[in-house]
């Protein structure tokens, strides 16, 4: 966007890209302009969104249950694997979750009788959500509010949908969609029909390479991502749905429980879901769980007993300690199927009969040992809390354990994981070798190596990469020169012009099998990718 000066139509590698609205890209262009095109500048906004989600959730907790509920809820929504890891990835999901959480905060302000300004926040935040990730998902809170009023039997509904609210929502959400459709005919059909209706029916005209989770796998991944706080969800949900809902705060607890159940339930039933699709429910889940812990600490009538909350945590921490020790010692190895469930690129590779690259066990041993020590100490402390039936001590131990584990083990493990997959070494090697007139090609969907585009000076040709999020953009005339098929590659490869092929496809399945063996020179291999050239350079090997 910054290079072309076109702030309406997003592009990847010069191809029009319509899968995600532009707000995150506008923000990232701004941080690039200030701090340069760096990973830190790119990750700034998801990280700030993670902090914002925690802060808004904490404020909601204070509003509904008091300072301790707010403190616990804010910490719980920050100290789980789902939010923590997504806050380190350049994706719009957490920015989207921030707007939804702000919307719920606005509704809670209005519903609690603290002023109609809350409705301004509610509808404005929904408008921002619509230009961040998904216009259909941004309108989902309106459906949940309608369900909420049906359950509580409240009438009339018109005060909650004043005439200006529709104008405010439309003024923020619609201009970009209208402008994109005017400049790119068919965009709205692709976004609303192909990307939603036909995706749900599994009849997409422009399918991408995303491999959805099964229903049980999605539910399991969502619960794992919200650990350790997911262990208290049965108590939290039963508490929220229990009648009577006598006052506004008790009904708002019902609303948040309804939102969480609808989000997780919808994607569990949907034929298409990815691991991060449960994230919008996490702030509500954190509020509900914080309320249960708060009531247990106060020994409120009807609250869960300390042992009911502390016992599962003790078992979880003990099992985590045992698992980490077993993995560190080599007694137990992590099955590849587990990785394929949690990681989208691993699922895509598995679907094509390939396996994702990994790191040797020795690279993981220090992290496994560190995690075993953290959870071992947490297990002992949790046992003391259980023995003393001290709920406050127990939740403090759980928070301290997760706060210690996430940055020192999970974050470092994620960095180790990414280094094993990174395209940066090959992109740097390629950038050093490029000369004017050279042609760079990528085999497979460019999403597999998209960060290479940040360091390469010119547009990259894409070989056999139509099935991607650029499939619809590929139908526009200017994209014809970007997408290559095998015959064009074969004809050009045998010429005098130097070509580089960065391939994300295993050599046994790669298009290089169709090229003359003497003309295929392997320059480097790392991160599950191979860099070839048609002309030999000193130090390269002939395949």
Protein backbone atom coordinates (compact mmCIF):
# COMPACT_ATOMS: atom_id res chain seq x y z
CA UNK A 1 0.00 0.00 0.00
CA UNK A 2 2.74 2.43 0.90
CA UNK A 3 4.75 1.63 -2.24
CA UNK A 4 1.84 1.95 -4.67
CA UNK A 5 -0.09 4.68 -2.89
CA UNK A 6 -3.29 2.64 -3.22
CA UNK A 7 -4.90 2.45 0.22
CA UNK A 8 -8.12 0.85 -1.03
CA UNK A 9 -7.09 -2.38 -2.77
CA UNK A 10 -4.62 -4.55 -0.82
CA UNK A 11 -2.07 -6.41 -2.93
CA UNK A 12 0.36 -9.25 -2.37
CA UNK A 13 3.17 -9.56 -4.91
CA UNK A 14 1.25 -7.14 -7.10
CA UNK A 15 -1.86 -9.35 -7.10
CA UNK A 16 -5.11 -8.02 -5.66
CA UNK A 17 -5.81 -9.57 -2.27
CA UNK A 18 -9.34 -9.62 -0.85
CA UNK A 19 -9.36 -12.15 1.97
CA UNK A 20 -8.90 -9.60 4.76
CA UNK A 21 -10.06 -5.98 5.12
CA UNK A 22 -7.32 -3.35 5.31
CA UNK A 23 -7.25 -1.83 8.81
CA UNK A 24 -4.27 -3.89 10.02
CA UNK A 25 -2.44 -3.12 6.77
CA UNK A 26 -3.08 0.60 7.17
CA UNK A 27 -1.68 0.45 10.69
CA UNK A 28 1.32 -1.66 9.63
CA UNK A 29 2.11 0.71 6.77
CA UNK A 30 2.24 3.48 9.36
CA UNK A 31 4.60 1.58 11.66
CA UNK A 32 6.79 0.69 8.66
CA UNK A 33 6.97 4.37 7.74
CA UNK A 34 8.11 5.28 11.26
CA UNK A 35 10.31 2.31 12.24
CA UNK A 36 11.24 0.75 8.90
CA UNK A 37 10.21 -2.56 7.36
CA UNK A 38 11.15 -4.75 10.31
CA UNK A 39 9.54 -7.70 12.08
CA UNK A 40 9.11 -5.60 15.22
CA UNK A 41 7.24 -2.88 13.32
CA UNK A 42 4.99 -5.52 11.76
CA UNK A 43 4.22 -7.20 15.09
CA UNK A 44 3.55 -3.94 16.94
CA UNK A 45 -0.20 -3.79 16.35
CA UNK A 46 -1.13 -7.40 17.23
CA UNK A 47 0.97 -7.02 20.39
CA UNK A 48 -0.74 -3.77 21.35
CA UNK A 49 -4.09 -5.39 20.60
CA UNK A 50 -3.28 -8.21 23.03
CA UNK A 51 -2.53 -5.63 25.73
CA UNK A 52 -5.71 -3.77 24.83
CA UNK A 53 -7.84 -6.91 25.08
CA UNK A 54 -6.48 -7.55 28.57
CA UNK A 55 -7.06 -3.95 29.65
CA UNK A 56 -10.65 -3.76 28.36
CA UNK A 57 -11.47 -7.16 29.85
CA UNK A 58 -10.11 -5.99 33.21
CA UNK A 59 -12.24 -2.84 33.04
CA UNK A 60 -15.32 -4.92 32.29
CA UNK A 61 -14.51 -7.14 35.26
CA UNK A 62 -14.26 -4.12 37.56
CA UNK A 63 -17.58 -2.85 36.25
CA UNK A 64 -19.40 -6.15 36.79
CA UNK A 65 -17.73 -7.70 39.81
CA UNK A 66 -15.30 -5.32 41.42
CA UNK A 67 -11.52 -4.76 41.41
CA UNK A 68 -10.49 -8.36 42.12
CA UNK A 69 -12.68 -9.76 39.33
CA UNK A 70 -11.21 -7.15 36.99
CA UNK A 71 -7.63 -7.96 37.96
CA UNK A 72 -8.17 -11.71 37.61
CA UNK A 73 -10.03 -11.40 34.30
CA UNK A 74 -7.40 -9.14 32.77
CA UNK A 75 -4.59 -11.47 33.81
CA UNK A 76 -6.45 -14.60 32.73
CA UNK A 77 -7.17 -13.32 29.23
CA UNK A 78 -3.47 -12.48 28.87
CA UNK A 79 -2.03 -15.64 30.42
CA UNK A 80 -3.22 -18.33 28.06
CA UNK A 81 -1.47 -19.81 25.05
CA UNK A 82 -4.06 -18.63 22.54
CA UNK A 83 -3.88 -14.89 23.20
CA UNK A 84 -0.19 -14.91 24.13
CA UNK A 85 0.97 -16.61 20.93
CA UNK A 86 -1.45 -14.81 18.59
CA UNK A 87 -0.20 -11.53 19.99
CA UNK A 88 3.18 -12.36 18.45
CA UNK A 89 1.85 -13.15 14.94
CA UNK A 90 1.11 -10.62 12.21
CA UNK A 91 -2.55 -11.50 11.77
CA UNK A 92 -5.68 -9.35 12.26
CA UNK A 93 -7.34 -11.73 14.73
CA UNK A 94 -6.42 -10.02 17.99
CA UNK A 95 -7.13 -6.56 16.60
CA UNK A 96 -10.55 -7.93 15.63
CA UNK A 97 -11.00 -9.38 19.14
CA UNK A 98 -10.07 -5.99 20.65
CA UNK A 99 -12.87 -4.24 18.74
CA UNK A 100 -15.39 -6.92 19.74
CA UNK A 101 -14.35 -6.61 23.39
CA UNK A 102 -14.69 -2.84 23.21
CA UNK A 103 -18.13 -3.32 21.66
CA UNK A 104 -19.22 -5.50 24.58
CA UNK A 105 -17.82 -2.94 27.00
CA UNK A 106 -19.93 -0.27 25.31
CA UNK A 107 -23.04 -2.42 25.51
CA UNK A 108 -22.38 -3.15 29.19
CA UNK A 109 -22.06 0.58 29.91
CA UNK A 110 -25.40 1.31 28.24
CA UNK A 111 -27.17 -1.70 29.71
CA UNK A 112 -25.99 -0.80 33.23
CA UNK A 113 -27.66 2.59 32.87
CA UNK A 114 -24.37 4.51 32.72
CA UNK A 115 -25.23 6.54 29.63
CA UNK A 116 -26.15 6.14 26.00
CA UNK A 117 -22.52 6.82 25.10
CA UNK A 118 -22.02 3.10 25.57
CA UNK A 119 -24.09 2.44 22.44
CA UNK A 120 -21.84 4.81 20.49
CA UNK A 121 -18.87 2.69 21.52
CA UNK A 122 -20.77 -0.52 20.75
CA UNK A 123 -21.66 0.37 17.16
CA UNK A 124 -18.40 2.20 16.40
CA UNK A 125 -16.36 -0.79 17.55
CA UNK A 126 -18.45 -3.15 15.42
CA UNK A 127 -17.75 -0.90 12.44
CA UNK A 128 -14.01 -1.08 13.10
CA UNK A 129 -14.25 -4.86 13.44
CA UNK A 130 -15.89 -5.00 10.01
CA UNK A 131 -12.87 -3.38 8.34
CA UNK A 132 -10.36 -5.40 10.36
CA UNK A 133 -11.21 -9.02 9.61
CA UNK A 134 -14.74 -9.96 8.64
CA UNK A 135 -17.96 -8.02 8.15
CA UNK A 136 -20.14 -11.07 8.88
CA UNK A 137 -18.28 -11.84 12.11
CA UNK A 138 -18.47 -8.18 13.12
CA UNK A 139 -22.26 -8.34 13.01
CA UNK A 140 -22.44 -11.52 15.11
CA UNK A 141 -22.78 -9.57 18.41
CA UNK A 142 -26.07 -8.12 17.12
CA UNK A 143 -27.42 -11.65 16.72
CA UNK A 144 -26.26 -12.57 20.23
CA UNK A 145 -27.86 -9.43 21.67
CA UNK A 146 -31.15 -10.42 20.01
CA UNK A 147 -30.86 -13.91 21.54
CA UNK A 148 -30.08 -12.32 24.90
CA UNK A 149 -33.18 -10.12 24.86
CA UNK A 150 -35.27 -13.12 23.83
CA UNK A 151 -33.97 -15.10 26.83
CA UNK A 152 -34.52 -12.26 29.28
CA UNK A 153 -37.89 -11.32 27.76
CA UNK A 154 -37.02 -7.61 27.62
CA UNK A 155 -39.05 -5.29 25.41
CA UNK A 156 -38.98 -3.03 23.47
CA UNK A 157 -35.81 -3.48 21.42
CA UNK A 158 -35.87 -0.22 19.48
CA UNK A 159 -34.03 1.80 22.18
CA UNK A 160 -31.04 -0.47 21.59
CA UNK A 161 -31.00 0.15 17.84
CA UNK A 162 -31.47 3.93 17.49
CA UNK A 163 -31.51 5.36 13.98
CA UNK A 164 -28.10 6.94 14.37
CA UNK A 165 -26.50 3.62 15.37
CA UNK A 166 -27.17 2.13 11.95
CA UNK A 167 -25.71 5.24 10.31
CA UNK A 168 -22.64 5.15 12.57
CA UNK A 169 -21.98 1.48 11.87
CA UNK A 170 -22.49 1.96 8.14
CA UNK A 171 -20.35 5.12 8.02
CA UNK A 172 -17.38 3.24 9.45
CA UNK A 173 -17.83 -0.18 7.84
CA UNK A 174 -19.26 0.39 4.38
CA UNK A 175 -17.15 3.01 2.56
CA UNK A 176 -14.17 0.68 2.06
CA UNK A 177 -16.40 -2.17 0.83
CA UNK A 178 -18.18 0.15 -1.61
CA UNK A 179 -14.94 1.61 -2.95
CA UNK A 180 -13.32 -1.81 -3.38
CA UNK A 181 -16.35 -3.14 -5.26
CA UNK A 182 -16.34 -0.06 -7.50
CA UNK A 183 -12.69 -0.62 -8.37
CA UNK A 184 -12.75 -4.44 -8.37
CA UNK A 185 -15.96 -5.87 -9.76
CA UNK A 186 -16.92 -9.13 -8.12
CA UNK A 187 -15.27 -8.35 -4.76
CA UNK A 188 -18.51 -8.43 -2.78
CA UNK A 189 -19.57 -11.71 -4.39
CA UNK A 190 -16.18 -13.21 -3.51
CA UNK A 191 -16.24 -11.88 0.06
CA UNK A 192 -19.85 -12.59 0.99
CA UNK A 193 -20.79 -15.57 -1.20
CA UNK A 194 -17.65 -17.50 -2.03
CA UNK A 195 -15.77 -16.78 1.20
CA UNK A 196 -18.76 -17.38 3.49
CA UNK A 197 -21.78 -19.12 1.99
CA UNK A 198 -19.91 -21.42 -0.39
CA UNK A 199 -17.11 -22.02 2.13
CA UNK A 200 -19.72 -23.16 4.65
CA UNK A 201 -21.21 -25.46 2.01
CA UNK A 202 -17.74 -26.65 0.93
CA UNK A 203 -18.45 -25.54 -2.63
CA UNK A 204 -15.98 -22.67 -3.03
CA UNK A 205 -15.19 -21.44 -6.53
CA UNK A 206 -11.82 -20.09 -5.33
CA UNK A 207 -10.60 -22.51 -2.65
CA UNK A 208 -7.42 -21.82 -0.74
CA UNK A 209 -5.02 -24.25 0.90
CA UNK A 210 -6.31 -23.91 4.46
CA UNK A 211 -7.06 -27.30 6.00
CA UNK A 212 -9.90 -27.03 8.54
CA UNK A 213 -9.98 -28.83 11.86
CA UNK A 214 -12.55 -31.43 12.71
CA UNK A 215 -15.17 -30.52 15.31
CA UNK A 216 -13.61 -32.47 18.17
CA UNK A 217 -10.12 -31.24 17.26
CA UNK A 218 -11.29 -27.61 17.20
CA UNK A 219 -13.00 -27.91 20.56
CA UNK A 220 -9.92 -29.60 22.04
CA UNK A 221 -7.53 -26.98 20.61
CA UNK A 222 -9.71 -24.14 21.92
CA UNK A 223 -9.80 -25.62 25.41
CA UNK A 224 -6.04 -26.29 25.35
CA UNK A 225 -5.39 -22.72 24.22
CA UNK A 226 -7.37 -21.39 27.21
CA UNK A 227 -5.57 -23.53 29.78
CA UNK A 228 -5.24 -23.49 32.71
CA UNK A 229 -8.39 -21.38 33.08
CA UNK A 230 -10.50 -23.70 30.94
CA UNK A 231 -10.61 -26.14 33.87
CA UNK A 232 -13.07 -23.87 35.70
CA UNK A 233 -15.40 -23.39 32.71
CA UNK A 234 -18.05 -25.93 33.80
CA UNK A 235 -18.55 -23.99 37.06
CA UNK A 236 -18.37 -20.63 35.26
CA UNK A 237 -20.97 -21.45 32.60
CA UNK A 238 -23.38 -23.12 35.02
CA UNK A 239 -23.12 -20.08 37.28
CA UNK A 240 -23.89 -17.66 34.44
CA UNK A 241 -26.86 -19.60 33.03
CA UNK A 242 -28.39 -20.24 36.45
CA UNK A 243 -31.61 -18.33 37.02
CA UNK A 244 -32.82 -15.92 38.27
CA UNK A 245 -31.24 -13.01 36.41
CA UNK A 246 -32.63 -10.39 38.73
CA UNK A 247 -30.56 -7.32 37.91
CA UNK A 248 -28.47 -5.85 35.13
CA UNK A 249 -25.11 -7.30 36.30
CA UNK A 250 -26.46 -10.85 36.53
CA UNK A 251 -28.01 -10.52 33.07
CA UNK A 252 -24.73 -9.22 31.66
CA UNK A 253 -23.00 -12.33 32.98
CA UNK A 254 -25.59 -14.30 31.03
CA UNK A 255 -24.81 -12.23 27.92
CA UNK A 256 -21.09 -13.00 28.09
CA UNK A 257 -21.76 -16.69 28.65
CA UNK A 258 -24.11 -16.68 25.68
CA UNK A 259 -21.49 -14.97 23.49
CA UNK A 260 -18.81 -17.49 24.44
CA UNK A 261 -21.07 -20.49 23.84
CA UNK A 262 -22.31 -19.13 20.50
CA UNK A 263 -18.78 -18.46 19.20
CA UNK A 264 -17.32 -21.81 20.21
CA UNK A 265 -20.52 -23.70 19.36
CA UNK A 266 -20.85 -22.11 15.92
CA UNK A 267 -17.33 -23.00 14.84
CA UNK A 268 -17.55 -26.46 16.38
CA UNK A 269 -20.58 -27.12 14.17
CA UNK A 270 -19.20 -25.26 11.14
CA UNK A 271 -17.49 -27.35 8.44
CA UNK A 272 -14.66 -24.81 8.30
CA UNK A 273 -12.72 -23.77 11.38
CA UNK A 274 -9.11 -22.99 12.20
CA UNK A 275 -7.38 -23.06 15.62
CA UNK A 276 -7.67 -19.29 16.19
CA UNK A 277 -11.40 -19.06 15.45
CA UNK A 278 -12.28 -19.48 19.13
CA UNK A 279 -10.30 -16.40 20.20
CA UNK A 280 -13.25 -13.94 20.21
CA UNK A 281 -14.74 -15.95 23.09
CA UNK A 282 -11.66 -15.70 25.32
CA UNK A 283 -12.36 -12.30 26.96
CA UNK A 284 -15.86 -13.47 27.93
CA UNK A 285 -14.51 -16.80 29.19
CA UNK A 286 -11.90 -14.98 31.27
CA UNK A 287 -14.60 -12.81 32.87
CA UNK A 288 -16.75 -15.83 33.70
CA UNK A 289 -13.85 -17.79 35.20
CA UNK A 290 -12.63 -14.76 37.18
CA UNK A 291 -16.09 -14.44 38.70
CA UNK A 292 -16.05 -18.09 39.84
CA UNK A 293 -12.63 -17.71 41.46
CA UNK A 294 -13.68 -14.45 43.13
CA UNK A 295 -16.77 -16.05 44.66
CA UNK A 296 -14.77 -19.08 45.81
CA UNK A 297 -12.20 -16.85 47.50
CA UNK A 298 -15.05 -15.09 49.34
CA UNK A 299 -16.80 -18.43 50.07
CA UNK A 300 -20.01 -16.92 48.68
CA UNK A 301 -23.20 -19.01 49.00
CA UNK A 302 -23.48 -21.51 46.16
CA UNK A 303 -19.89 -20.97 45.03
CA UNK A 304 -17.54 -23.76 44.01
CA UNK A 305 -15.44 -25.21 46.79
CA UNK A 306 -11.68 -24.53 46.78
CA UNK A 307 -10.88 -28.17 46.14
CA UNK A 308 -13.14 -28.23 43.07
CA UNK A 309 -11.01 -25.52 41.47
CA UNK A 310 -7.59 -26.34 42.90
CA UNK A 311 -7.67 -30.11 42.37
CA UNK A 312 -7.83 -29.99 38.54
CA UNK A 313 -5.05 -27.39 38.48
CA UNK A 314 -2.84 -29.60 40.64
CA UNK A 315 -3.42 -32.56 38.32
CA UNK A 316 -2.74 -30.41 35.23
CA UNK A 317 0.51 -28.98 36.63
CA UNK A 318 1.70 -32.42 37.74
CA UNK A 319 0.95 -33.92 34.32
CA UNK A 320 2.70 -31.02 32.60
CA UNK A 321 5.77 -31.56 34.76
CA UNK A 322 5.84 -35.29 34.00
CA UNK A 323 5.33 -34.71 30.27
CA UNK A 324 8.09 -32.11 30.07
CA UNK A 325 10.53 -34.34 31.95
CA UNK A 326 9.65 -37.28 29.73
CA UNK A 327 10.15 -35.20 26.59
CA UNK A 328 13.41 -33.75 27.91
CA UNK A 329 14.78 -37.23 28.64
CA UNK A 330 13.68 -38.59 25.27
CA UNK A 331 11.37 -41.17 26.81
CA UNK A 332 8.37 -39.64 25.04
CA UNK A 333 8.43 -37.97 21.62
CA UNK A 334 5.78 -35.50 20.47
CA UNK A 335 3.73 -37.21 17.73
CA UNK A 336 3.78 -35.37 14.37
CA UNK A 337 -0.04 -35.52 14.28
CA UNK A 338 -0.18 -33.21 17.31
CA UNK A 339 1.88 -30.60 15.47
CA UNK A 340 -0.29 -30.96 12.38
CA UNK A 341 -3.36 -30.22 14.48
CA UNK A 342 -1.96 -27.06 16.04
CA UNK A 343 -0.11 -25.57 13.07
CA UNK A 344 -1.80 -24.53 9.82
CA UNK A 345 1.26 -24.95 7.60
CA UNK A 346 1.86 -28.44 9.00
CA UNK A 347 -1.73 -29.39 8.17
CA UNK A 348 -1.33 -28.08 4.63
CA UNK A 349 1.84 -30.10 4.15
CA UNK A 350 0.26 -33.21 5.64
CA UNK A 351 -2.67 -32.85 3.24
CA UNK A 352 -0.21 -33.10 0.32
CA UNK A 353 1.74 -35.99 1.79
CA UNK A 354 4.66 -33.86 3.03
CA UNK A 355 6.01 -33.33 6.51
CA UNK A 356 6.99 -30.08 8.18
CA UNK A 357 10.64 -29.50 9.08
CA UNK A 358 11.51 -29.65 12.74
CA UNK A 359 14.35 -29.01 15.13
CA UNK A 360 16.46 -31.74 16.77
CA UNK A 361 15.65 -32.65 20.35
CA UNK A 362 18.88 -31.07 21.61
CA UNK A 363 17.60 -27.65 20.52
CA UNK A 364 14.50 -28.11 22.68
CA UNK A 365 16.12 -29.61 25.79
CA UNK A 366 16.84 -26.32 27.60
CA UNK A 367 13.24 -25.17 27.10
CA UNK A 368 11.82 -28.50 28.20
CA UNK A 369 13.99 -28.46 31.33
CA UNK A 370 12.98 -24.87 32.09
CA UNK A 371 9.31 -25.71 31.67
CA UNK A 372 9.65 -28.79 33.90
CA UNK A 373 11.20 -26.68 36.67
CA UNK A 374 8.47 -24.02 36.42
CA UNK A 375 5.62 -26.52 36.51
CA UNK A 376 7.37 -28.59 39.16
CA UNK A 377 7.51 -25.59 41.49
CA UNK A 378 3.93 -24.73 40.54
CA UNK A 379 2.82 -28.28 41.39
CA UNK A 380 4.34 -28.13 44.86
CA UNK A 381 2.85 -24.70 45.54
CA UNK A 382 -0.55 -25.81 44.24
CA UNK A 383 -0.44 -28.87 46.49
CA UNK A 384 0.11 -26.55 49.46
CA UNK A 385 -2.84 -24.38 48.37
CA UNK A 386 -5.05 -27.46 48.01
CA UNK A 387 -3.99 -28.82 51.41
CA UNK A 388 -4.81 -25.45 53.00
CA UNK A 389 -7.95 -25.02 50.85
CA UNK A 390 -6.65 -21.54 50.02
CA UNK A 391 -8.32 -20.46 46.77
CA UNK A 392 -6.55 -17.09 46.74
CA UNK A 393 -3.16 -18.77 47.08
CA UNK A 394 -4.10 -21.29 44.38
CA UNK A 395 -5.12 -18.74 41.77
CA UNK A 396 -2.01 -16.74 42.60
CA UNK A 397 0.14 -19.83 42.05
CA UNK A 398 -1.62 -20.53 38.73
CA UNK A 399 -1.06 -16.96 37.55
CA UNK A 400 2.58 -16.96 38.66
CA UNK A 401 3.21 -20.27 36.91
CA UNK A 402 1.70 -19.16 33.62
CA UNK A 403 3.39 -15.76 33.79
CA UNK A 404 6.72 -17.54 34.27
CA UNK A 405 6.06 -20.18 31.60
CA UNK A 406 4.70 -18.14 28.70
CA UNK A 407 7.56 -15.70 28.00
CA UNK A 408 10.44 -17.98 29.00
CA UNK A 409 9.27 -21.27 27.48
CA UNK A 410 6.29 -20.77 25.15
CA UNK A 411 7.70 -17.64 23.48
CA UNK A 412 11.18 -19.15 23.12
CA UNK A 413 9.65 -22.38 21.86
CA UNK A 414 7.67 -20.44 19.29
CA UNK A 415 10.86 -18.65 18.17
CA UNK A 416 12.65 -22.00 17.88
CA UNK A 417 9.71 -23.39 15.94
CA UNK A 418 9.70 -20.41 13.57
CA UNK A 419 13.45 -20.54 13.00
CA UNK A 420 13.08 -24.12 11.80
CA UNK A 421 10.47 -22.97 9.24
CA UNK A 422 11.76 -19.51 8.34
CA UNK A 423 12.25 -18.45 4.72
CA UNK A 424 14.58 -15.62 5.78
CA UNK A 425 17.90 -17.51 5.29
CA UNK A 426 16.99 -18.45 1.72
CA UNK A 427 15.56 -14.99 1.02
CA UNK A 428 18.82 -13.40 2.21
CA UNK A 429 20.87 -15.81 0.08
CA UNK A 430 18.71 -15.02 -2.91
CA UNK A 431 18.84 -11.25 -2.39
CA UNK A 432 22.67 -11.36 -2.33
CA UNK A 433 22.83 -13.25 -5.64
CA UNK A 434 20.25 -11.28 -7.60
CA UNK A 435 21.42 -9.20 -10.53
CA UNK A 436 19.44 -6.93 -12.86
CA UNK A 437 17.45 -9.02 -15.30
CA UNK A 438 17.23 -12.11 -13.07
CA UNK A 439 13.82 -13.70 -12.59
CA UNK A 440 12.67 -15.00 -9.22
CA UNK A 441 9.95 -17.66 -9.04
CA UNK A 442 8.20 -19.34 -6.14
CA UNK A 443 6.71 -22.81 -6.39
CA UNK A 444 3.43 -23.18 -4.51
CA UNK A 445 1.19 -20.60 -2.88
CA UNK A 446 3.20 -17.48 -2.03
CA UNK A 447 1.66 -17.50 1.49
CA UNK A 448 4.19 -20.23 2.35
CA UNK A 449 7.08 -17.77 1.92
CA UNK A 450 5.40 -14.37 1.94
CA UNK A 451 7.95 -12.61 4.16
CA UNK A 452 10.53 -13.12 1.41
CA UNK A 453 8.67 -10.41 -0.51
CA UNK A 454 9.89 -7.86 2.04
CA UNK A 455 13.54 -8.32 1.02
CA UNK A 456 13.27 -9.12 -2.68
CA UNK A 457 13.47 -6.08 -4.98
CA UNK A 458 10.95 -7.11 -7.65
CA UNK A 459 7.74 -9.03 -8.19
CA UNK A 460 8.01 -12.80 -7.81
CA UNK A 461 6.52 -15.21 -10.32
CA UNK A 462 4.31 -17.89 -8.77
CA UNK A 463 4.50 -21.41 -10.21
CA UNK A 464 1.54 -23.73 -9.64
CA UNK A 465 0.17 -21.45 -6.94
CA UNK A 466 -3.37 -20.69 -8.07
CA UNK A 467 -4.99 -22.46 -5.10
CA UNK A 468 -4.34 -19.75 -2.56
CA UNK A 469 -5.85 -16.61 -1.09
CA UNK A 470 -4.79 -14.86 -4.32
CA UNK A 471 -6.99 -17.09 -6.50
CA UNK A 472 -9.65 -14.43 -7.06
CA UNK A 473 -7.05 -11.70 -7.54
CA UNK A 474 -5.45 -13.90 -10.19
CA UNK A 475 -8.50 -13.40 -12.41
CA UNK A 476 -7.62 -9.73 -13.02
CA UNK A 477 -5.57 -8.91 -16.14
CA UNK A 478 -2.43 -7.57 -14.43
CA UNK A 479 -1.95 -10.89 -12.60
CA UNK A 480 -1.40 -12.90 -15.78
CA UNK A 481 2.35 -12.35 -15.77
CA UNK A 482 2.65 -13.30 -12.11
CA UNK A 483 1.28 -16.85 -12.32
CA UNK A 484 3.33 -19.42 -14.22
CA UNK A 485 2.44 -22.95 -15.24
CA UNK A 486 4.85 -25.84 -15.79
CA UNK A 487 5.14 -25.47 -19.62
CA UNK A 488 6.08 -21.79 -19.32
CA UNK A 489 8.66 -22.60 -16.66
CA UNK A 490 10.16 -25.38 -18.78
CA UNK A 491 10.43 -23.13 -21.83
CA UNK A 492 12.03 -20.26 -19.90
CA UNK A 493 14.28 -22.44 -17.73
CA UNK A 494 16.25 -23.68 -20.73
CA UNK A 495 17.03 -20.14 -21.95
CA UNK A 496 20.00 -17.86 -21.29
CA UNK A 497 18.26 -15.70 -18.72
CA UNK A 498 19.04 -16.60 -15.14
CA UNK A 499 16.09 -17.89 -13.11
CA UNK A 500 15.85 -18.65 -9.42
CA UNK A 501 13.17 -20.99 -8.12
CA UNK A 502 12.30 -20.87 -4.42
CA UNK A 503 10.27 -24.01 -3.85
CA UNK A 504 8.10 -24.93 -0.87
CA UNK A 505 7.41 -28.35 -2.42
CA UNK A 506 9.35 -31.52 -1.63
CA UNK A 507 11.72 -32.39 -4.53
CA UNK A 508 9.92 -35.69 -5.03
CA UNK A 509 6.77 -33.72 -5.89
CA UNK A 510 8.32 -30.53 -7.22
CA UNK A 511 8.11 -29.15 -10.74
CA UNK A 512 11.92 -29.49 -10.91
CA UNK A 513 11.33 -33.14 -11.78
CA UNK A 514 10.12 -31.99 -15.21
CA UNK A 515 13.27 -29.96 -15.90
CA UNK A 516 16.50 -31.25 -17.44
CA UNK A 517 18.57 -32.57 -14.50
CA UNK A 518 21.75 -30.90 -15.73
CA UNK A 519 20.04 -27.50 -15.60
CA UNK A 520 18.79 -27.76 -12.03
CA UNK A 521 21.34 -26.37 -9.60
CA UNK A 522 20.54 -26.55 -5.88
CA UNK A 523 21.88 -23.43 -4.19
CA UNK A 524 20.60 -23.91 -0.64
CA UNK A 525 18.05 -25.82 1.40
CA UNK A 526 16.54 -24.90 4.76
CA UNK A 527 13.22 -24.40 6.49
CA UNK A 528 11.42 -26.95 4.34
CA UNK A 529 12.30 -25.01 1.17
CA UNK A 530 14.76 -25.39 -1.68
CA UNK A 531 16.45 -22.68 -3.75
CA UNK A 532 17.34 -23.65 -7.31
CA UNK A 533 18.82 -21.86 -10.31
CA UNK A 534 19.00 -22.76 -13.99
CA UNK A 535 22.57 -21.46 -14.28
CA UNK A 536 25.41 -22.75 -12.16
CA UNK A 537 27.17 -20.50 -9.66
CA UNK A 538 30.41 -21.32 -7.88
CA UNK A 539 29.63 -23.44 -4.86
CA UNK A 540 26.25 -24.72 -6.07
CA UNK A 541 25.47 -28.37 -6.47
CA UNK A 542 23.83 -30.01 -9.45
CA UNK A 543 20.70 -31.90 -8.57
